[in-house]
C-alpha atoms as a PDB file:
ATOM      1  CA  MET A   1      23.088  -4.586 -30.882  1.00  0.00           C
ATOM      2  CA  LEU A   2      23.323  -7.065 -33.932  1.00  0.00           C
ATOM      3  CA  SER A   3      19.433  -7.022 -34.258  1.00  0.00           C
ATOM      4  CA  ALA A   4      19.255  -2.894 -34.117  1.00  0.00           C
ATOM      5  CA  LEU A   5      21.460  -2.781 -36.802  1.00  0.00           C
ATOM      6  CA  ARG A   6      19.490  -4.922 -38.942  1.00  0.00           C
ATOM      7  CA  LYS A   7      16.737  -2.632 -38.957  1.00  0.00           C
ATOM      8  CA  TYR A   8      18.882  -0.104 -40.580  1.00  0.00           C
ATOM      9  CA  LEU A   9      19.416  -2.435 -43.824  1.00  0.00           C
ATOM     10  CA  LEU A  10      15.950  -1.113 -44.590  1.00  0.00           C
ATOM     11  CA  ILE A  11      17.311   2.148 -45.453  1.00  0.00           C
ATOM     12  CA  PRO A  12      18.189   1.947 -48.872  1.00  0.00           C
ATOM     13  CA  ARG A  13      14.601  -0.210 -49.938  1.00  0.00           C
ATOM     14  CA  LEU A  14      12.851   2.913 -47.697  1.00  0.00           C
ATOM     15  CA  ILE A  15      14.599   5.462 -49.886  1.00  0.00           C
ATOM     16  CA  ARG A  16      13.704   3.451 -53.362  1.00  0.00           C
ATOM     17  CA  LEU A  17       9.997   3.560 -52.164  1.00  0.00           C
ATOM     18  CA  SER A  18       9.901   6.756 -51.083  1.00  0.00           C
ATOM     19  CA  SER A  19      11.412   8.199 -53.951  1.00  0.00           C
ATOM     20  CA  SER A  20       8.963   7.246 -55.985  1.00  0.00           C
ATOM     21  CA  ALA A  21       6.040   9.514 -54.327  1.00  0.00           C
ATOM     22  CA  PRO A  22       4.987  12.929 -56.132  1.00  0.00           C
ATOM     23  CA  LYS A  23       6.614  15.946 -55.050  1.00  0.00           C
ATOM     24  CA  ASP A  24       3.361  17.783 -54.695  1.00  0.00           C
ATOM     25  CA  PRO A  25       1.326  16.698 -51.508  1.00  0.00           C
ATOM     26  CA  LEU A  26      -2.086  17.228 -53.025  1.00  0.00           C
ATOM     27  CA  THR A  27      -1.123  15.466 -56.414  1.00  0.00           C
ATOM     28  CA  ALA A  28       0.267  12.580 -53.735  1.00  0.00           C
ATOM     29  CA  TRP A  29      -2.687  12.758 -51.533  1.00  0.00           C
ATOM     30  CA  ASP A  30      -5.497  12.881 -54.231  1.00  0.00           C
ATOM     31  CA  GLN A  31      -3.436  10.065 -55.977  1.00  0.00           C
ATOM     32  CA  TYR A  32      -3.304   8.120 -52.935  1.00  0.00           C
ATOM     33  CA  TRP A  33      -7.009   8.284 -52.551  1.00  0.00           C
ATOM     34  CA  GLY A  34      -7.526   7.786 -55.899  1.00  0.00           C
ATOM     35  CA  ASN A  35      -5.996   4.206 -56.115  1.00  0.00           C
ATOM     36  CA  VAL A  36      -7.171   3.043 -52.747  1.00  0.00           C
ATOM     37  CA  ARG A  37      -9.499  -0.322 -53.305  1.00  0.00           C
ATOM     38  CA  SER A  38     -10.850  -0.715 -49.827  1.00  0.00           C
ATOM     39  CA  THR A  39     -10.933   0.441 -46.484  1.00  0.00           C
ATOM     40  CA  GLY A  40     -11.333  -0.580 -42.596  1.00  0.00           C
ATOM     41  CA  ALA A  41      -9.377  -3.375 -41.019  1.00  0.00           C
ATOM     42  CA  THR A  42      -8.388  -5.540 -44.272  1.00  0.00           C
ATOM     43  CA  GLY A  43      -8.112  -2.469 -46.702  1.00  0.00           C
ATOM     44  CA  ASP A  44      -5.191  -0.615 -47.804  1.00  0.00           C
ATOM     45  CA  VAL A  45      -5.457   2.519 -45.956  1.00  0.00           C
ATOM     46  CA  LEU A  46      -2.901   2.316 -42.845  1.00  0.00           C
ATOM     47  CA  TRP A  47      -4.717   4.272 -40.342  1.00  0.00           C
ATOM     48  CA  ASP A  48      -7.782   3.043 -40.709  1.00  0.00           C
ATOM     49  CA  SER A  49      -8.160   0.574 -38.208  1.00  0.00           C
ATOM     50  CA  GLY A  50     -12.105  -0.017 -39.049  1.00  0.00           C
ATOM     51  CA  SER A  51     -12.710  -0.021 -35.342  1.00  0.00           C
ATOM     52  CA  ASP A  52     -14.459   2.442 -32.852  1.00  0.00           C
ATOM     53  CA  HIS A  53     -11.887   1.711 -30.316  1.00  0.00           C
ATOM     54  CA  GLU A  54      -9.837   4.668 -30.525  1.00  0.00           C
ATOM     55  CA  LEU A  55     -12.431   6.939 -30.821  1.00  0.00           C
ATOM     56  CA  ASN A  56     -14.220   5.329 -27.726  1.00  0.00           C
ATOM     57  CA  GLY A  57     -11.156   6.104 -25.751  1.00  0.00           C
ATOM     58  CA  TYR A  58     -11.344   9.476 -26.324  1.00  0.00           C
ATOM     59  CA  LEU A  59     -14.836  10.124 -25.762  1.00  0.00           C
ATOM     60  CA  PRO A  60     -14.137  11.131 -22.098  1.00  0.00           C
ATOM     61  CA  LYS A  61     -11.874  13.878 -23.438  1.00  0.00           C
ATOM     62  CA  LEU A  62     -14.612  14.737 -26.071  1.00  0.00           C
ATOM     63  CA  ALA A  63     -16.881  15.354 -23.455  1.00  0.00           C
ATOM     64  CA  GLN A  64     -15.153  18.697 -23.034  1.00  0.00           C
ATOM     65  CA  LEU A  65     -16.338  19.855 -25.992  1.00  0.00           C
ATOM     66  CA  ASP A  66     -19.920  21.692 -26.469  1.00  0.00           C
ATOM     67  CA  PRO A  67     -21.952  18.637 -27.297  1.00  0.00           C
ATOM     68  CA  THR A  68     -24.684  21.333 -29.016  1.00  0.00           C
ATOM     69  CA  LEU A  69     -22.040  22.380 -31.601  1.00  0.00           C
ATOM     70  CA  PRO A  70     -21.171  20.592 -34.863  1.00  0.00           C
ATOM     71  CA  VAL A  71     -17.711  19.373 -35.305  1.00  0.00           C
ATOM     72  CA  VAL A  72     -15.451  19.737 -38.006  1.00  0.00           C
ATOM     73  CA  ASP A  73     -13.275  16.945 -38.762  1.00  0.00           C
ATOM     74  CA  VAL A  74     -10.239  17.961 -40.726  1.00  0.00           C
ATOM     75  CA  GLY A  75      -7.973  15.596 -42.834  1.00  0.00           C
ATOM     76  CA  CYS A  76     -11.231  12.862 -42.850  1.00  0.00           C
ATOM     77  CA  GLY A  77      -9.757  11.000 -45.697  1.00  0.00           C
ATOM     78  CA  ASN A  78     -12.661   8.262 -46.211  1.00  0.00           C
ATOM     79  CA  GLY A  79     -14.804   9.689 -43.200  1.00  0.00           C
ATOM     80  CA  SER A  80     -14.014   6.831 -40.625  1.00  0.00           C
ATOM     81  CA  PHE A  81     -13.858   9.191 -37.783  1.00  0.00           C
ATOM     82  CA  THR A  82     -16.822  11.678 -39.120  1.00  0.00           C
ATOM     83  CA  ARG A  83     -19.172   9.054 -39.155  1.00  0.00           C
ATOM     84  CA  LEU A  84     -17.966   7.510 -35.645  1.00  0.00           C
ATOM     85  CA  LEU A  85     -18.136  11.628 -34.360  1.00  0.00           C
ATOM     86  CA  ALA A  86     -21.633  11.831 -36.145  1.00  0.00           C
ATOM     87  CA  GLU A  87     -23.084   9.693 -33.290  1.00  0.00           C
ATOM     88  CA  HIS A  88     -22.250  12.182 -30.573  1.00  0.00           C
ATOM     89  CA  PHE A  89     -22.796  15.437 -32.294  1.00  0.00           C
ATOM     90  CA  PRO A  90     -25.655  17.011 -33.944  1.00  0.00           C
ATOM     91  CA  LEU A  91     -23.186  17.421 -37.185  1.00  0.00           C
ATOM     92  CA  ALA A  92     -20.110  15.925 -38.484  1.00  0.00           C
ATOM     93  CA  LEU A  93     -18.354  17.797 -41.354  1.00  0.00           C
ATOM     94  CA  GLY A  94     -15.462  15.646 -43.184  1.00  0.00           C
ATOM     95  CA  LEU A  95     -12.881  17.842 -44.798  1.00  0.00           C
ATOM     96  CA  ASP A  96     -10.076  16.563 -46.798  1.00  0.00           C
ATOM     97  CA  TYR A  97      -8.138  18.494 -49.475  1.00  0.00           C
ATOM     98  CA  SER A  98      -8.112  15.339 -51.715  1.00  0.00           C
ATOM     99  CA  ALA A  99     -11.292  15.526 -53.845  1.00  0.00           C
ATOM    100  CA  ASN A 100     -11.054  11.910 -54.334  1.00  0.00           C
ATOM    101  CA  ALA A 101     -10.841  11.468 -50.479  1.00  0.00           C
ATOM    102  CA  VAL A 102     -13.960  13.252 -50.200  1.00  0.00           C
ATOM    103  CA  GLU A 103     -15.711  11.237 -52.918  1.00  0.00           C
ATOM    104  CA  ARG A 104     -14.608   8.210 -51.077  1.00  0.00           C
ATOM    105  CA  ALA A 105     -16.028   9.470 -47.753  1.00  0.00           C
ATOM    106  CA  ARG A 106     -19.437  10.490 -48.979  1.00  0.00           C
ATOM    107  CA  GLN A 107     -19.835   6.979 -50.765  1.00  0.00           C
ATOM    108  CA  GLU A 108     -18.851   5.014 -47.454  1.00  0.00           C
ATOM    109  CA  SER A 109     -21.450   7.866 -45.305  1.00  0.00           C
ATOM    110  CA  ALA A 110     -24.355   7.179 -47.747  1.00  0.00           C
ATOM    111  CA  GLY A 111     -27.515   7.558 -45.630  1.00  0.00           C
ATOM    112  CA  ILE A 112     -26.244   9.202 -42.599  1.00  0.00           C
ATOM    113  CA  THR A 113     -27.875  12.199 -42.407  1.00  0.00           C
ATOM    114  CA  THR A 114     -25.851  13.670 -39.631  1.00  0.00           C
ATOM    115  CA  ALA A 115     -22.597  13.472 -42.122  1.00  0.00           C
ATOM    116  CA  ALA A 116     -21.404  16.119 -44.551  1.00  0.00           C
ATOM    117  CA  PHE A 117     -18.147  16.272 -46.685  1.00  0.00           C
ATOM    118  CA  ALA A 118     -16.211  19.322 -48.564  1.00  0.00           C
ATOM    119  CA  VAL A 119     -13.308  19.509 -49.891  1.00  0.00           C
ATOM    120  CA  CYS A 120     -11.223  21.990 -48.265  1.00  0.00           C
ATOM    121  CA  ASP A 121      -7.311  22.872 -47.420  1.00  0.00           C
ATOM    122  CA  MET A 122      -7.237  23.865 -43.868  1.00  0.00           C
ATOM    123  CA  THR A 123      -3.742  25.663 -44.400  1.00  0.00           C
ATOM    124  CA  ALA A 124      -5.431  27.955 -47.170  1.00  0.00           C
ATOM    125  CA  PRO A 125      -5.825  31.706 -46.901  1.00  0.00           C
ATOM    126  CA  ASP A 126      -9.648  30.657 -47.870  1.00  0.00           C
ATOM    127  CA  ALA A 127     -10.319  27.970 -45.309  1.00  0.00           C
ATOM    128  CA  ALA A 128     -12.334  29.791 -42.613  1.00  0.00           C
ATOM    129  CA  GLN A 129     -14.950  30.926 -45.521  1.00  0.00           C
ATOM    130  CA  THR A 130     -14.656  27.596 -46.892  1.00  0.00           C
ATOM    131  CA  VAL A 131     -15.988  25.859 -43.442  1.00  0.00           C
ATOM    132  CA  ALA A 132     -18.755  28.618 -42.769  1.00  0.00           C
ATOM    133  CA  THR A 133     -19.728  28.148 -46.572  1.00  0.00           C
ATOM    134  CA  ALA A 134     -19.903  24.051 -45.952  1.00  0.00           C
ATOM    135  CA  LEU A 135     -21.552  24.185 -42.525  1.00  0.00           C
ATOM    136  CA  ASP A 136     -24.057  26.538 -43.883  1.00  0.00           C
ATOM    137  CA  ASN A 137     -24.985  24.251 -46.705  1.00  0.00           C
ATOM    138  CA  ALA A 138     -25.572  21.785 -44.140  1.00  0.00           C
ATOM    139  CA  GLY A 139     -28.039  24.236 -42.164  1.00  0.00           C
ATOM    140  CA  TRP A 140     -25.602  25.234 -39.536  1.00  0.00           C
ATOM    141  CA  ALA A 141     -24.081  28.323 -38.814  1.00  0.00           C
ATOM    142  CA  GLY A 142     -21.806  30.012 -36.068  1.00  0.00           C
ATOM    143  CA  ASP A 143     -19.235  28.645 -33.729  1.00  0.00           C
ATOM    144  CA  ALA A 144     -18.053  24.827 -34.291  1.00  0.00           C
ATOM    145  CA  ASN A 145     -15.875  22.434 -32.457  1.00  0.00           C
ATOM    146  CA  VAL A 146     -12.636  20.833 -34.586  1.00  0.00           C
ATOM    147  CA  PHE A 147     -11.141  17.364 -34.623  1.00  0.00           C
ATOM    148  CA  ILE A 148      -7.958  16.455 -36.052  1.00  0.00           C
ATOM    149  CA  ARG A 149      -6.100  13.137 -36.116  1.00  0.00           C
ATOM    150  CA  GLY A 150      -2.899  12.434 -37.760  1.00  0.00           C
ATOM    151  CA  VAL A 151      -3.077  15.624 -39.716  1.00  0.00           C
ATOM    152  CA  LEU A 152      -0.642  18.281 -38.293  1.00  0.00           C
ATOM    153  CA  HIS A 153       2.407  15.377 -37.968  1.00  0.00           C
ATOM    154  CA  VAL A 154       2.409  15.689 -42.186  1.00  0.00           C
ATOM    155  CA  LEU A 155       2.726  19.382 -42.216  1.00  0.00           C
ATOM    156  CA  ASP A 156       5.576  21.459 -42.039  1.00  0.00           C
ATOM    157  CA  ARG A 157       5.995  24.222 -39.536  1.00  0.00           C
ATOM    158  CA  LYS A 158       4.208  26.706 -41.673  1.00  0.00           C
ATOM    159  CA  GLY A 159       1.591  24.612 -42.553  1.00  0.00           C
ATOM    160  CA  ARG A 160       0.725  23.733 -38.876  1.00  0.00           C
ATOM    161  CA  ALA A 161       0.584  27.605 -37.880  1.00  0.00           C
ATOM    162  CA  ALA A 162      -1.646  28.468 -41.267  1.00  0.00           C
ATOM    163  CA  MET A 163      -4.023  25.717 -40.240  1.00  0.00           C
ATOM    164  CA  ALA A 164      -3.933  26.948 -36.383  1.00  0.00           C
ATOM    165  CA  ALA A 165      -4.772  30.559 -37.411  1.00  0.00           C
ATOM    166  CA  ASN A 166      -7.358  29.389 -39.712  1.00  0.00           C
ATOM    167  CA  LEU A 167      -9.171  27.648 -37.227  1.00  0.00           C
ATOM    168  CA  LEU A 168      -9.508  30.596 -34.856  1.00  0.00           C
ATOM    169  CA  PRO A 169     -12.397  32.003 -36.038  1.00  0.00           C
ATOM    170  CA  VAL A 170     -14.129  28.171 -36.935  1.00  0.00           C
ATOM    171  CA  VAL A 171     -14.256  27.817 -33.267  1.00  0.00           C
ATOM    172  CA  GLY A 172     -15.190  31.143 -32.180  1.00  0.00           C
ATOM    173  CA  GLY A 173     -16.006  31.491 -28.653  1.00  0.00           C
ATOM    174  CA  ARG A 174     -17.973  28.369 -28.065  1.00  0.00           C
ATOM    175  CA  GLY A 175     -15.912  25.632 -29.900  1.00  0.00           C
ATOM    176  CA  SER A 176     -13.005  23.686 -29.057  1.00  0.00           C
ATOM    177  CA  VAL A 177     -10.054  21.792 -30.910  1.00  0.00           C
ATOM    178  CA  PHE A 178      -9.348  18.605 -30.016  1.00  0.00           C
ATOM    179  CA  LEU A 179      -5.727  17.115 -31.821  1.00  0.00           C
ATOM    180  CA  ALA A 180      -4.549  13.522 -31.462  1.00  0.00           C
ATOM    181  CA  GLU A 181      -1.347  12.831 -33.304  1.00  0.00           C
ATOM    182  CA  THR A 182       1.668  10.437 -33.860  1.00  0.00           C
ATOM    183  CA  ASN A 183       4.305  11.262 -31.551  1.00  0.00           C
ATOM    184  CA  PHE A 184       6.752   8.367 -32.166  1.00  0.00           C
ATOM    185  CA  PRO A 185      10.050   9.096 -30.378  1.00  0.00           C
ATOM    186  CA  GLY A 186      12.825   7.236 -32.888  1.00  0.00           C
ATOM    187  CA  THR A 187      13.963   7.652 -36.171  1.00  0.00           C
ATOM    188  CA  PRO A 188      11.913   7.097 -39.180  1.00  0.00           C
ATOM    189  CA  VAL A 189      13.371   3.708 -39.476  1.00  0.00           C
ATOM    190  CA  ASP A 190      12.426   2.866 -35.871  1.00  0.00           C
ATOM    191  CA  TYR A 191       8.973   4.110 -36.965  1.00  0.00           C
ATOM    192  CA  VAL A 192       8.590   1.614 -39.829  1.00  0.00           C
ATOM    193  CA  SER A 193      10.380  -1.508 -37.979  1.00  0.00           C
ATOM    194  CA  HIS A 194       7.995  -0.707 -35.258  1.00  0.00           C
ATOM    195  CA  LEU A 195       4.768  -1.306 -37.686  1.00  0.00           C
ATOM    196  CA  GLY A 196       6.380  -4.559 -38.995  1.00  0.00           C
ATOM    197  CA  ALA A 197       8.785  -3.617 -41.912  1.00  0.00           C
ATOM    198  CA  THR A 198      11.818  -5.779 -42.267  1.00  0.00           C
ATOM    199  CA  ARG A 199      14.640  -6.119 -44.913  1.00  0.00           C
ATOM    200  CA  LYS A 200      12.486  -9.096 -46.275  1.00  0.00           C
ATOM    201  CA  SER A 201       9.302  -7.651 -46.340  1.00  0.00           C
ATOM    202  CA  ILE A 202       6.877  -4.510 -45.540  1.00  0.00           C
ATOM    203  CA  PRO A 203       3.293  -4.570 -44.772  1.00  0.00           C
ATOM    204  CA  ALA A 204       1.218  -3.906 -47.801  1.00  0.00           C
ATOM    205  CA  PRO A 205      -0.527  -0.848 -46.205  1.00  0.00           C
ATOM    206  CA  LEU A 206       2.529   0.425 -44.910  1.00  0.00           C
ATOM    207  CA  GLU A 207       4.798  -0.118 -47.998  1.00  0.00           C
ATOM    208  CA  TRP A 208       1.647   2.019 -49.839  1.00  0.00           C
ATOM    209  CA  ALA A 209       2.243   5.015 -47.371  1.00  0.00           C
ATOM    210  CA  ILE A 210       5.938   5.146 -47.759  1.00  0.00           C
ATOM    211  CA  ARG A 211       5.548   4.451 -51.687  1.00  0.00           C
ATOM    212  CA  GLY A 212       3.163   7.255 -52.241  1.00  0.00           C
ATOM    213  CA  LEU A 213       3.019  10.128 -49.651  1.00  0.00           C
ATOM    214  CA  PRO A 214       5.404  12.891 -47.850  1.00  0.00           C
ATOM    215  CA  MET A 215       7.410  11.373 -45.115  1.00  0.00           C
ATOM    216  CA  PRO A 216       5.669  11.924 -41.628  1.00  0.00           C
ATOM    217  CA  GLY A 217       7.132  13.879 -38.768  1.00  0.00           C
ATOM    218  CA  ARG A 218       6.183  13.721 -34.982  1.00  0.00           C
ATOM    219  CA  PHE A 219       3.645  15.986 -33.126  1.00  0.00           C
ATOM    220  CA  GLY A 220       3.598  16.569 -29.286  1.00  0.00           C
ATOM    221  CA  ALA A 221       3.883  19.384 -26.865  1.00  0.00           C
ATOM    222  CA  ALA A 222       6.673  21.001 -28.365  1.00  0.00           C
ATOM    223  CA  GLN A 223       5.442  21.134 -31.990  1.00  0.00           C
ATOM    224  CA  ARG A 224       2.109  22.067 -30.355  1.00  0.00           C
ATOM    225  CA  ALA A 225       3.141  24.939 -28.522  1.00  0.00           C
ATOM    226  CA  LYS A 226       4.456  26.609 -31.731  1.00  0.00           C
ATOM    227  CA  ALA A 227       1.715  25.885 -33.964  1.00  0.00           C
ATOM    228  CA  PHE A 228      -0.769  26.858 -31.497  1.00  0.00           C
ATOM    229  CA  PRO A 229       0.770  29.982 -29.660  1.00  0.00           C
ATOM    230  CA  THR A 230      -0.832  30.968 -26.160  1.00  0.00           C
ATOM    231  CA  THR A 231      -1.457  34.514 -27.732  1.00  0.00           C
ATOM    232  CA  ASP A 232      -4.335  33.046 -29.418  1.00  0.00           C
ATOM    233  CA  TRP A 233      -4.806  29.534 -27.622  1.00  0.00           C
ATOM    234  CA  THR A 234      -5.725  28.215 -24.481  1.00  0.00           C
ATOM    235  CA  LEU A 235      -4.541  24.630 -23.561  1.00  0.00           C
ATOM    236  CA  VAL A 236      -6.790  23.038 -21.496  1.00  0.00           C
ATOM    237  CA  GLU A 237      -5.223  19.481 -21.422  1.00  0.00           C
ATOM    238  CA  ASP A 238      -2.823  17.456 -23.238  1.00  0.00           C
ATOM    239  CA  GLY A 239      -1.271  14.056 -22.827  1.00  0.00           C
ATOM    240  CA  ALA A 240      -0.100  10.958 -24.265  1.00  0.00           C
ATOM    241  CA  THR A 241      -2.427   8.314 -26.264  1.00  0.00           C
ATOM    242  CA  SER A 242      -2.374   5.976 -28.628  1.00  0.00           C
ATOM    243  CA  ILE A 243      -3.039   5.864 -32.606  1.00  0.00           C
ATOM    244  CA  GLU A 244      -4.218   2.913 -34.130  1.00  0.00           C
ATOM    245  CA  THR A 245      -3.435   1.589 -37.436  1.00  0.00           C
ATOM    246  CA  ARG A 246      -5.357  -1.349 -39.386  1.00  0.00           C
ATOM    247  CA  PRO A 247      -4.183  -4.518 -38.176  1.00  0.00           C
ATOM    248  CA  LEU A 248      -0.432  -5.512 -39.381  1.00  0.00           C
ATOM    249  CA  SER A 249       0.960  -7.859 -37.272  1.00  0.00           C
ATOM    250  CA  ASN A 250      -1.662  -9.509 -36.167  1.00  0.00           C
ATOM    251  CA  PRO A 251      -4.810 -10.032 -38.548  1.00  0.00           C
ATOM    252  CA  THR A 252      -7.567  -9.172 -35.731  1.00  0.00           C
ATOM    253  CA  VAL A 253      -5.705  -6.403 -33.572  1.00  0.00           C
ATOM    254  CA  PRO A 254      -4.965  -2.732 -34.671  1.00  0.00           C
ATOM    255  CA  ASP A 255      -1.125  -1.818 -34.215  1.00  0.00           C
ATOM    256  CA  VAL A 256      -0.650   1.003 -31.932  1.00  0.00           C
ATOM    257  CA  ILE A 257       1.332   4.048 -32.541  1.00  0.00           C
ATOM    258  CA  PRO A 258       2.640   6.403 -29.510  1.00  0.00           C
ATOM    259  CA  GLY A 259       0.783   9.580 -29.949  1.00  0.00           C
ATOM    260  CA  TYR A 260      -0.436  12.811 -28.294  1.00  0.00           C
ATOM    261  CA  TYR A 261      -3.504  14.765 -27.778  1.00  0.00           C
ATOM    262  CA  ALA A 262      -4.526  18.171 -26.585  1.00  0.00           C
ATOM    263  CA  ILE A 263      -7.763  20.084 -26.302  1.00  0.00           C
ATOM    264  CA  LEU A 264      -7.530  23.915 -27.294  1.00  0.00           C
ATOM    265  CA  ARG A 265      -9.844  26.967 -27.334  1.00  0.00           C
ATOM    266  CA  ALA A 266      -9.596  30.477 -28.845  1.00  0.00           C
ATOM    267  CA  ARG A 267      -8.235  32.993 -26.568  1.00  0.00           C
ATOM    268  CA  ARG A 268      -9.502  35.760 -28.877  1.00  0.00           C
ATOM    269  CA  LEU A 269     -10.159  36.198 -32.653  1.00  0.00           C
ATOM    270  CA  ASN A 270      -7.583  37.599 -34.700  1.00  0.00           C
END
């Protein structure tokens, strides 16, 4: 009981750290990516494990996506998953609404001809056209698959619904959506404690995220059902998964957050 209470002594520090985050999400994300010094297993980015282990766990599920179509990686960040997806699809298009993230992704992906990147806010009204233009610039037209990892849990309900609606014309009749999101069952204090935060210390990549970014939520089956209604989407498969962070508690092994995955296809186009 005493150890359980001790973690709540973190609350004042978490409040102080999070109060410095920019109130505008785009400003927060662009500032965050502009300040990143390095990525991968020893870098600044909490959710970049520097490993292909997590994606390899998704491959049996991704086999249900049409392998002849390009895949759009929504919220690509520095492009770590985009580059891995480019090994399994004819083209991987990474999208992020932070221009600084897209610039870093392009730099880290230099020489990979099957990966392309573009700035795009997938909750914006013109998002589907932005995607179509980016695919066209990369030599593709028509339907595409979509990969989303760790994006929907940082959006509010309105943002999730807008993104889902904008994805309908992107996937069309042949494409599918694969999503994987953190679905931690506890409180925010439980969450950061799970990732190694204590009253005395917080792992640097975690502190960076707390200090600079909007507070994340959780995304599971209930949230998916609201964001991707059955009037528009058919649920193919869903279940539990694991989201990996860069190593925090052990310098050689990624930390793991309980997550949720789903595969969806468009029922009809709006």
